[in-house]
Amino acid sequence: MKYVEVVANSGSYDTVLAIASKVEAHDFRLLGAAGEDDMQLMRLVVADDKLQSVLDALQNVLGAQSDVRILVLPVVASLPKPDEEVKNKKIQ
């Protein structure tokens, strides 16, 4: 799993949300309010095998924004484990 932070124009929210939905991100969050510069922090948690698709999509749709930042961080631990999350969703 990878933690992907995106700092982009606040108007990009729907686009980033659509990307998260398309790759079936484990989590997508809008973090805090947009700054004075109208930049917004968004977070995705994605499976390792979806990371390249996420980065390609983000670069294609946000690449024209000069102030965009995309950070990728490893997830060292996550509870419950992703396999347990899937199992719990099927049970409910």
PDB file of N, CA and C in Angstrom:
ATOM      1  N   MET A   1       0.829  -1.167   0.000  1.00  0.00           N
ATOM      2  CA  MET A   1       0.000   0.000   0.000  1.00  0.00           C
ATOM      3  C   MET A   1       0.881   1.241   0.000  1.00  0.00           C
ATOM      4  N   LYS A   2       0.364   2.283  -0.648  1.00  0.00           N
ATOM      5  CA  LYS A   2       1.074   3.563  -0.686  1.00  0.00           C
ATOM      6  C   LYS A   2       0.124   4.682  -0.266  1.00  0.00           C
ATOM      7  N   TYR A   3       0.704   5.689   0.371  1.00  0.00           N
ATOM      8  CA  TYR A   3       0.011   6.899   0.801  1.00  0.00           C
ATOM      9  C   TYR A   3       0.378   7.967  -0.221  1.00  0.00           C
ATOM     10  N   VAL A   4      -0.594   8.504  -0.918  1.00  0.00           N
ATOM     11  CA  VAL A   4      -0.344   9.499  -1.960  1.00  0.00           C
ATOM     12  C   VAL A   4      -0.987  10.812  -1.534  1.00  0.00           C
ATOM     13  N   GLU A   5      -0.168  11.840  -1.392  1.00  0.00           N
ATOM     14  CA  GLU A   5      -0.681  13.176  -1.088  1.00  0.00           C
ATOM     15  C   GLU A   5      -0.653  14.000  -2.360  1.00  0.00           C
ATOM     16  N   VAL A   6      -1.738  14.720  -2.579  1.00  0.00           N
ATOM     17  CA  VAL A   6      -1.843  15.592  -3.742  1.00  0.00           C
ATOM     18  C   VAL A   6      -2.156  16.988  -3.246  1.00  0.00           C
ATOM     19  N   VAL A   7      -1.358  17.953  -3.659  1.00  0.00           N
ATOM     20  CA  VAL A   7      -1.641  19.352  -3.379  1.00  0.00           C
ATOM     21  C   VAL A   7      -1.916  19.989  -4.737  1.00  0.00           C
ATOM     22  N   ALA A   8      -3.174  20.390  -4.931  1.00  0.00           N
ATOM     23  CA  ALA A   8      -3.591  20.919  -6.225  1.00  0.00           C
ATOM     24  C   ALA A   8      -4.646  21.993  -6.013  1.00  0.00           C
ATOM     25  N   ASN A   9      -4.993  22.671  -7.072  1.00  0.00           N
ATOM     26  CA  ASN A   9      -6.040  23.677  -7.041  1.00  0.00           C
ATOM     27  C   ASN A   9      -7.310  23.041  -6.489  1.00  0.00           C
ATOM     28  N   SER A  10      -8.026  23.747  -5.631  1.00  0.00           N
ATOM     29  CA  SER A  10      -9.211  23.174  -4.979  1.00  0.00           C
ATOM     30  C   SER A  10     -10.263  22.724  -5.982  1.00  0.00           C
ATOM     31  N   GLY A  11     -10.263  23.293  -7.167  1.00  0.00           N
ATOM     32  CA  GLY A  11     -11.198  22.888  -8.208  1.00  0.00           C
ATOM     33  C   GLY A  11     -10.901  21.507  -8.765  1.00  0.00           C
ATOM     34  N   SER A  12      -9.774  20.930  -8.389  1.00  0.00           N
ATOM     35  CA  SER A  12      -9.379  19.602  -8.868  1.00  0.00           C
ATOM     36  C   SER A  12      -9.953  18.474  -8.022  1.00  0.00           C
ATOM     37  N   TYR A  13     -10.702  18.800  -6.991  1.00  0.00           N
ATOM     38  CA  TYR A  13     -11.235  17.788  -6.071  1.00  0.00           C
ATOM     39  C   TYR A  13     -12.000  16.690  -6.808  1.00  0.00           C
ATOM     40  N   ASP A  14     -12.954  17.067  -7.635  1.00  0.00           N
ATOM     41  CA  ASP A  14     -13.775  16.067  -8.332  1.00  0.00           C
ATOM     42  C   ASP A  14     -12.939  15.171  -9.229  1.00  0.00           C
ATOM     43  N   THR A  15     -11.926  15.735  -9.851  1.00  0.00           N
ATOM     44  CA  THR A  15     -11.047  14.964 -10.738  1.00  0.00           C
ATOM     45  C   THR A  15     -10.247  13.942  -9.946  1.00  0.00           C
ATOM     46  N   VAL A  16      -9.669  14.357  -8.827  1.00  0.00           N
ATOM     47  CA  VAL A  16      -8.874  13.444  -7.998  1.00  0.00           C
ATOM     48  C   VAL A  16      -9.786  12.383  -7.383  1.00  0.00           C
ATOM     49  N   LEU A  17     -10.986  12.771  -6.973  1.00  0.00           N
ATOM     50  CA  LEU A  17     -11.953  11.810  -6.447  1.00  0.00           C
ATOM     51  C   LEU A  17     -12.303  10.761  -7.504  1.00  0.00           C
ATOM     52  N   ALA A  18     -12.483  11.183  -8.748  1.00  0.00           N
ATOM     53  CA  ALA A  18     -12.796  10.246  -9.832  1.00  0.00           C
ATOM     54  C   ALA A  18     -11.655   9.263 -10.055  1.00  0.00           C
ATOM     55  N   ILE A  19     -10.421   9.746  -9.974  1.00  0.00           N
ATOM     56  CA  ILE A  19      -9.253   8.869 -10.117  1.00  0.00           C
ATOM     57  C   ILE A  19      -9.222   7.859  -8.979  1.00  0.00           C
ATOM     58  N   ALA A  20      -9.454   8.327  -7.759  1.00  0.00           N
ATOM     59  CA  ALA A  20      -9.468   7.430  -6.597  1.00  0.00           C
ATOM     60  C   ALA A  20     -10.539   6.360  -6.758  1.00  0.00           C
ATOM     61  N   SER A  21     -11.683   6.743  -7.242  1.00  0.00           N
ATOM     62  CA  SER A  21     -12.769   5.788  -7.447  1.00  0.00           C
ATOM     63  C   SER A  21     -12.414   4.780  -8.541  1.00  0.00           C
ATOM     64  N   LYS A  22     -11.830   5.262  -9.618  1.00  0.00           N
ATOM     65  CA  LYS A  22     -11.493   4.391 -10.750  1.00  0.00           C
ATOM     66  C   LYS A  22     -10.496   3.303 -10.354  1.00  0.00           C
ATOM     67  N   VAL A  23      -9.512   3.650  -9.536  1.00  0.00           N
ATOM     68  CA  VAL A  23      -8.487   2.666  -9.141  1.00  0.00           C
ATOM     69  C   VAL A  23      -8.866   1.928  -7.858  1.00  0.00           C
ATOM     70  N   GLU A  24     -10.074   2.186  -7.369  1.00  0.00           N
ATOM     71  CA  GLU A  24     -10.561   1.550  -6.149  1.00  0.00           C
ATOM     72  C   GLU A  24      -9.610   1.777  -4.976  1.00  0.00           C
ATOM     73  N   ALA A  25      -9.294   3.050  -4.756  1.00  0.00           N
ATOM     74  CA  ALA A  25      -8.415   3.424  -3.644  1.00  0.00           C
ATOM     75  C   ALA A  25      -9.002   2.912  -2.332  1.00  0.00           C
ATOM     76  N   HIS A  26      -8.125   2.511  -1.420  1.00  0.00           N
ATOM     77  CA  HIS A  26      -8.570   2.063  -0.106  1.00  0.00           C
ATOM     78  C   HIS A  26      -9.199   3.213   0.672  1.00  0.00           C
ATOM     79  N   ASP A  27      -8.719   4.441   0.412  1.00  0.00           N
ATOM     80  CA  ASP A  27      -9.237   5.604   1.124  1.00  0.00           C
ATOM     81  C   ASP A  27      -8.950   6.847   0.302  1.00  0.00           C
ATOM     82  N   PHE A  28      -9.844   7.821   0.375  1.00  0.00           N
ATOM     83  CA  PHE A  28      -9.636   9.131  -0.230  1.00  0.00           C
ATOM     84  C   PHE A  28     -10.172  10.159   0.746  1.00  0.00           C
ATOM     85  N   ARG A  29      -9.359  11.177   1.026  1.00  0.00           N
ATOM     86  CA  ARG A  29      -9.763  12.220   1.975  1.00  0.00           C
ATOM     87  C   ARG A  29      -9.373  13.588   1.460  1.00  0.00           C
ATOM     88  N   LEU A  30     -10.229  14.540   1.742  1.00  0.00           N
ATOM     89  CA  LEU A  30      -9.941  15.936   1.539  1.00  0.00           C
ATOM     90  C   LEU A  30      -9.478  16.439   2.891  1.00  0.00           C
ATOM     91  N   LEU A  31      -8.276  16.980   2.975  1.00  0.00           N
ATOM     92  CA  LEU A  31      -7.701  17.341   4.270  1.00  0.00           C
ATOM     93  C   LEU A  31      -7.680  18.857   4.450  1.00  0.00           C
ATOM     94  N   GLY A  32      -8.465  19.331   5.380  1.00  0.00           N
ATOM     95  CA  GLY A  32      -8.469  20.747   5.716  1.00  0.00           C
ATOM     96  C   GLY A  32      -9.121  21.614   4.649  1.00  0.00           C
ATOM     97  N   ALA A  33      -9.048  22.898   4.874  1.00  0.00           N
ATOM     98  CA  ALA A  33      -9.613  23.875   3.944  1.00  0.00           C
ATOM     99  C   ALA A  33      -8.545  24.304   2.951  1.00  0.00           C
ATOM    100  N   ALA A  34      -8.981  24.793   1.818  1.00  0.00           N
ATOM    101  CA  ALA A  34      -8.045  25.314   0.823  1.00  0.00           C
ATOM    102  C   ALA A  34      -7.296  26.509   1.413  1.00  0.00           C
ATOM    103  N   GLY A  35      -6.042  26.640   1.024  1.00  0.00           N
ATOM    104  CA  GLY A  35      -5.226  27.748   1.515  1.00  0.00           C
ATOM    105  C   GLY A  35      -5.565  29.051   0.817  1.00  0.00           C
ATOM    106  N   GLU A  36      -4.904  30.104   1.233  1.00  0.00           N
ATOM    107  CA  GLU A  36      -5.116  31.413   0.620  1.00  0.00           C
ATOM    108  C   GLU A  36      -4.792  31.396  -0.873  1.00  0.00           C
ATOM    109  N   ASP A  37      -3.920  30.473  -1.274  1.00  0.00           N
ATOM    110  CA  ASP A  37      -3.550  30.342  -2.685  1.00  0.00           C
ATOM    111  C   ASP A  37      -4.493  29.408  -3.444  1.00  0.00           C
ATOM    112  N   ASP A  38      -5.594  28.983  -2.791  1.00  0.00           N
ATOM    113  CA  ASP A  38      -6.605  28.087  -3.350  1.00  0.00           C
ATOM    114  C   ASP A  38      -6.087  26.678  -3.603  1.00  0.00           C
ATOM    115  N   MET A  39      -4.985  26.317  -2.942  1.00  0.00           N
ATOM    116  CA  MET A  39      -4.458  24.963  -3.064  1.00  0.00           C
ATOM    117  C   MET A  39      -5.062  24.103  -1.963  1.00  0.00           C
ATOM    118  N   GLN A  40      -5.379  22.862  -2.323  1.00  0.00           N
ATOM    119  CA  GLN A  40      -6.070  21.935  -1.432  1.00  0.00           C
ATOM    120  C   GLN A  40      -5.245  20.665  -1.267  1.00  0.00           C
ATOM    121  N   LEU A  41      -5.194  20.141  -0.053  1.00  0.00           N
ATOM    122  CA  LEU A  41      -4.494  18.889   0.230  1.00  0.00           C
ATOM    123  C   LEU A  41      -5.487  17.737   0.179  1.00  0.00           C
ATOM    124  N   MET A  42      -5.149  16.708  -0.606  1.00  0.00           N
ATOM    125  CA  MET A  42      -5.969  15.515  -0.736  1.00  0.00           C
ATOM    126  C   MET A  42      -5.088  14.300  -0.499  1.00  0.00           C
ATOM    127  N   ARG A  43      -5.693  13.234   0.024  1.00  0.00           N
ATOM    128  CA  ARG A  43      -4.920  12.035   0.334  1.00  0.00           C
ATOM    129  C   ARG A  43      -5.610  10.803  -0.231  1.00  0.00           C
ATOM    130  N   LEU A  44      -4.813   9.924  -0.847  1.00  0.00           N
ATOM    131  CA  LEU A  44      -5.302   8.642  -1.315  1.00  0.00           C
ATOM    132  C   LEU A  44      -4.446   7.560  -0.697  1.00  0.00           C
ATOM    133  N   VAL A  45      -5.043   6.425  -0.387  1.00  0.00           N
ATOM    134  CA  VAL A  45      -4.301   5.238   0.015  1.00  0.00           C
ATOM    135  C   VAL A  45      -4.627   4.196  -1.046  1.00  0.00           C
ATOM    136  N   VAL A  46      -3.584   3.749  -1.759  1.00  0.00           N
ATOM    137  CA  VAL A  46      -3.802   2.855  -2.898  1.00  0.00           C
ATOM    138  C   VAL A  46      -2.946   1.600  -2.791  1.00  0.00           C
ATOM    139  N   ALA A  47      -3.403   0.547  -3.433  1.00  0.00           N
ATOM    140  CA  ALA A  47      -2.639  -0.696  -3.499  1.00  0.00           C
ATOM    141  C   ALA A  47      -1.391  -0.472  -4.350  1.00  0.00           C
ATOM    142  N   ASP A  48      -0.345  -1.207  -4.044  1.00  0.00           N
ATOM    143  CA  ASP A  48       0.915  -1.069  -4.774  1.00  0.00           C
ATOM    144  C   ASP A  48       0.726  -1.233  -6.281  1.00  0.00           C
ATOM    145  N   ASP A  49      -0.108  -2.186  -6.676  1.00  0.00           N
ATOM    146  CA  ASP A  49      -0.278  -2.449  -8.103  1.00  0.00           C
ATOM    147  C   ASP A  49      -1.117  -1.387  -8.818  1.00  0.00           C
ATOM    148  N   LYS A  50      -1.704  -0.457  -8.086  1.00  0.00           N
ATOM    149  CA  LYS A  50      -2.485   0.638  -8.677  1.00  0.00           C
ATOM    150  C   LYS A  50      -1.716   1.957  -8.688  1.00  0.00           C
ATOM    151  N   LEU A  51      -0.565   1.986  -8.044  1.00  0.00           N
ATOM    152  CA  LEU A  51       0.173   3.241  -7.878  1.00  0.00           C
ATOM    153  C   LEU A  51       0.524   3.888  -9.207  1.00  0.00           C
ATOM    154  N   GLN A  52       1.076   3.132 -10.138  1.00  0.00           N
ATOM    155  CA  GLN A  52       1.494   3.729 -11.409  1.00  0.00           C
ATOM    156  C   GLN A  52       0.307   4.302 -12.171  1.00  0.00           C
ATOM    157  N   SER A  53      -0.824   3.620 -12.124  1.00  0.00           N
ATOM    158  CA  SER A  53      -2.040   4.133 -12.779  1.00  0.00           C
ATOM    159  C   SER A  53      -2.477   5.455 -12.157  1.00  0.00           C
ATOM    160  N   VAL A  54      -2.402   5.526 -10.832  1.00  0.00           N
ATOM    161  CA  VAL A  54      -2.774   6.755 -10.127  1.00  0.00           C
ATOM    162  C   VAL A  54      -1.845   7.897 -10.524  1.00  0.00           C
ATOM    163  N   LEU A  55      -0.549   7.644 -10.499  1.00  0.00           N
ATOM    164  CA  LEU A  55       0.425   8.696 -10.834  1.00  0.00           C
ATOM    165  C   LEU A  55       0.261   9.161 -12.279  1.00  0.00           C
ATOM    166  N   ASP A  56       0.064   8.225 -13.201  1.00  0.00           N
ATOM    167  CA  ASP A  56      -0.127   8.596 -14.605  1.00  0.00           C
ATOM    168  C   ASP A  56      -1.376   9.455 -14.774  1.00  0.00           C
ATOM    169  N   ALA A  57      -2.475   9.037 -14.145  1.00  0.00           N
ATOM    170  CA  ALA A  57      -3.723   9.788 -14.261  1.00  0.00           C
ATOM    171  C   ALA A  57      -3.591  11.179 -13.644  1.00  0.00           C
ATOM    172  N   LEU A  58      -2.983  11.251 -12.458  1.00  0.00           N
ATOM    173  CA  LEU A  58      -2.807  12.552 -11.812  1.00  0.00           C
ATOM    174  C   LEU A  58      -1.944  13.477 -12.660  1.00  0.00           C
ATOM    175  N   GLN A  59      -0.878  12.943 -13.205  1.00  0.00           N
ATOM    176  CA  GLN A  59       0.011  13.769 -14.029  1.00  0.00           C
ATOM    177  C   GLN A  59      -0.698  14.245 -15.291  1.00  0.00           C
ATOM    178  N   ASN A  60      -1.492  13.372 -15.894  1.00  0.00           N
ATOM    179  CA  ASN A  60      -2.208  13.754 -17.121  1.00  0.00           C
ATOM    180  C   ASN A  60      -3.208  14.866 -16.882  1.00  0.00           C
ATOM    181  N   VAL A  61      -3.962  14.803 -15.775  1.00  0.00           N
ATOM    182  CA  VAL A  61      -5.017  15.789 -15.562  1.00  0.00           C
ATOM    183  C   VAL A  61      -4.572  17.011 -14.760  1.00  0.00           C
ATOM    184  N   LEU A  62      -3.507  16.870 -13.972  1.00  0.00           N
ATOM    185  CA  LEU A  62      -3.072  17.995 -13.144  1.00  0.00           C
ATOM    186  C   LEU A  62      -1.757  18.605 -13.596  1.00  0.00           C
ATOM    187  N   GLY A  63      -1.132  18.006 -14.590  1.00  0.00           N
ATOM    188  CA  GLY A  63       0.197  18.435 -15.024  1.00  0.00           C
ATOM    189  C   GLY A  63       0.296  19.883 -15.474  1.00  0.00           C
ATOM    190  N   ALA A  64      -0.806  20.460 -15.931  1.00  0.00           N
ATOM    191  CA  ALA A  64      -0.782  21.841 -16.402  1.00  0.00           C
ATOM    192  C   ALA A  64      -0.710  22.857 -15.257  1.00  0.00           C
ATOM    193  N   GLN A  65      -1.056  22.410 -14.042  1.00  0.00           N
ATOM    194  CA  GLN A  65      -0.985  23.311 -12.889  1.00  0.00           C
ATOM    195  C   GLN A  65       0.470  23.396 -12.418  1.00  0.00           C
ATOM    196  N   SER A  66       1.002  24.590 -12.402  1.00  0.00           N
ATOM    197  CA  SER A  66       2.429  24.754 -12.077  1.00  0.00           C
ATOM    198  C   SER A  66       2.758  24.466 -10.606  1.00  0.00           C
ATOM    199  N   ASP A  67       1.789  24.621  -9.717  1.00  0.00           N
ATOM    200  CA  ASP A  67       2.056  24.453  -8.284  1.00  0.00           C
ATOM    201  C   ASP A  67       1.672  23.088  -7.733  1.00  0.00           C
ATOM    202  N   VAL A  68       1.271  22.155  -8.576  1.00  0.00           N
ATOM    203  CA  VAL A  68       0.847  20.834  -8.115  1.00  0.00           C
ATOM    204  C   VAL A  68       2.025  20.091  -7.502  1.00  0.00           C
ATOM    205  N   ARG A  69       1.743  19.391  -6.400  1.00  0.00           N
ATOM    206  CA  ARG A  69       2.740  18.527  -5.771  1.00  0.00           C
ATOM    207  C   ARG A  69       2.088  17.186  -5.512  1.00  0.00           C
ATOM    208  N   ILE A  70       2.812  16.127  -5.835  1.00  0.00           N
ATOM    209  CA  ILE A  70       2.345  14.769  -5.568  1.00  0.00           C
ATOM    210  C   ILE A  70       3.444  14.063  -4.793  1.00  0.00           C
ATOM    211  N   LEU A  71       3.095  13.560  -3.627  1.00  0.00           N
ATOM    212  CA  LEU A  71       4.047  12.859  -2.774  1.00  0.00           C
ATOM    213  C   LEU A  71       3.585  11.424  -2.596  1.00  0.00           C
ATOM    214  N   VAL A  72       4.515  10.493  -2.644  1.00  0.00           N
ATOM    215  CA  VAL A  72       4.207   9.080  -2.433  1.00  0.00           C
ATOM    216  C   VAL A  72       5.034   8.596  -1.251  1.00  0.00           C
ATOM    217  N   LEU A  73       4.341   8.022  -0.269  1.00  0.00           N
ATOM    218  CA  LEU A  73       5.003   7.510   0.924  1.00  0.00           C
ATOM    219  C   LEU A  73       4.590   6.056   1.140  1.00  0.00           C
ATOM    220  N   PRO A  74       5.512   5.244   1.640  1.00  0.00           N
ATOM    221  CA  PRO A  74       5.144   3.850   1.923  1.00  0.00           C
ATOM    222  C   PRO A  74       4.248   3.782   3.163  1.00  0.00           C
ATOM    223  N   VAL A  75       3.394   2.796   3.186  1.00  0.00           N
ATOM    224  CA  VAL A  75       2.586   2.527   4.372  1.00  0.00           C
ATOM    225  C   VAL A  75       3.265   1.377   5.102  1.00  0.00           C
ATOM    226  N   VAL A  76       3.790   1.650   6.262  1.00  0.00           N
ATOM    227  CA  VAL A  76       4.520   0.643   7.024  1.00  0.00           C
ATOM    228  C   VAL A  76       3.558  -0.301   7.744  1.00  0.00           C
ATOM    229  N   ALA A  77       2.456   0.250   8.229  1.00  0.00           N
ATOM    230  CA  ALA A  77       1.469  -0.574   8.921  1.00  0.00           C
ATOM    231  C   ALA A  77       0.086   0.013   8.687  1.00  0.00           C
ATOM    232  N   SER A  78      -0.895  -0.865   8.682  1.00  0.00           N
ATOM    233  CA  SER A  78      -2.282  -0.449   8.513  1.00  0.00           C
ATOM    234  C   SER A  78      -3.174  -1.446   9.235  1.00  0.00           C
ATOM    235  N   LEU A  79      -4.061  -0.942  10.058  1.00  0.00           N
ATOM    236  CA  LEU A  79      -4.988  -1.812  10.783  1.00  0.00           C
ATOM    237  C   LEU A  79      -6.410  -1.382  10.489  1.00  0.00           C
ATOM    238  N   PRO A  80      -7.321  -2.228  10.166  1.00  0.00           N
ATOM    239  CA  PRO A  80      -7.058  -3.645   9.938  1.00  0.00           C
ATOM    240  C   PRO A  80      -6.297  -3.846   8.634  1.00  0.00           C
ATOM    241  N   LYS A  81      -5.709  -5.018   8.488  1.00  0.00           N
ATOM    242  CA  LYS A  81      -4.981  -5.327   7.266  1.00  0.00           C
ATOM    243  C   LYS A  81      -5.958  -5.296   6.094  1.00  0.00           C
ATOM    244  N   PRO A  82      -5.498  -4.915   4.904  1.00  0.00           N
ATOM    245  CA  PRO A  82      -6.403  -4.823   3.747  1.00  0.00           C
ATOM    246  C   PRO A  82      -7.215  -6.099   3.504  1.00  0.00           C
ATOM    247  N   ASP A  83      -6.624  -7.283   3.677  1.00  0.00           N
ATOM    248  CA  ASP A  83      -7.358  -8.532   3.485  1.00  0.00           C
ATOM    249  C   ASP A  83      -8.503  -8.652   4.483  1.00  0.00           C
ATOM    250  N   GLU A  84      -8.278  -8.175   5.713  1.00  0.00           N
ATOM    251  CA  GLU A  84      -9.314  -8.220   6.735  1.00  0.00           C
ATOM    252  C   GLU A  84     -10.444  -7.250   6.404  1.00  0.00           C
ATOM    253  N   GLU A  85     -10.107  -6.089   5.808  1.00  0.00           N
ATOM    254  CA  GLU A  85     -11.124  -5.121   5.420  1.00  0.00           C
ATOM    255  C   GLU A  85     -12.072  -5.737   4.406  1.00  0.00           C
ATOM    256  N   VAL A  86     -11.536  -6.412   3.419  1.00  0.00           N
ATOM    257  CA  VAL A  86     -12.351  -7.039   2.384  1.00  0.00           C
ATOM    258  C   VAL A  86     -13.231  -8.125   2.997  1.00  0.00           C
ATOM    259  N   LYS A  87     -12.644  -8.933   3.870  1.00  0.00           N
ATOM    260  CA  LYS A  87     -13.389 -10.011   4.514  1.00  0.00           C
ATOM    261  C   LYS A  87     -14.536  -9.439   5.355  1.00  0.00           C
ATOM    262  N   ASN A  88     -14.270  -8.368   6.108  1.00  0.00           N
ATOM    263  CA  ASN A  88     -15.295  -7.762   6.951  1.00  0.00           C
ATOM    264  C   ASN A  88     -16.427  -7.156   6.119  1.00  0.00           C
ATOM    265  N   LYS A  89     -16.115  -6.573   4.978  1.00  0.00           N
ATOM    266  CA  LYS A  89     -17.143  -5.991   4.124  1.00  0.00           C
ATOM    267  C   LYS A  89     -18.040  -7.085   3.562  1.00  0.00           C
ATOM    268  N   LYS A  90     -17.473  -8.234   3.227  1.00  0.00           N
ATOM    269  CA  LYS A  90     -18.275  -9.326   2.694  1.00  0.00           C
ATOM    270  C   LYS A  90     -19.191  -9.904   3.760  1.00  0.00           C
ATOM    271  N   ILE A  91     -18.756  -9.923   5.009  1.00  0.00           N
ATOM    272  CA  ILE A  91     -19.549 -10.478   6.104  1.00  0.00           C
ATOM    273  C   ILE A  91     -20.764  -9.602   6.400  1.00  0.00           C
ATOM    274  N   GLN A  92     -20.596  -8.298   6.352  1.00  0.00           N
ATOM    275  CA  GLN A  92     -21.678  -7.369   6.719  1.00  0.00           C
ATOM    276  C   GLN A  92     -22.716  -7.356   5.699  1.00  0.00           C
TER     277      GLN A  92
END
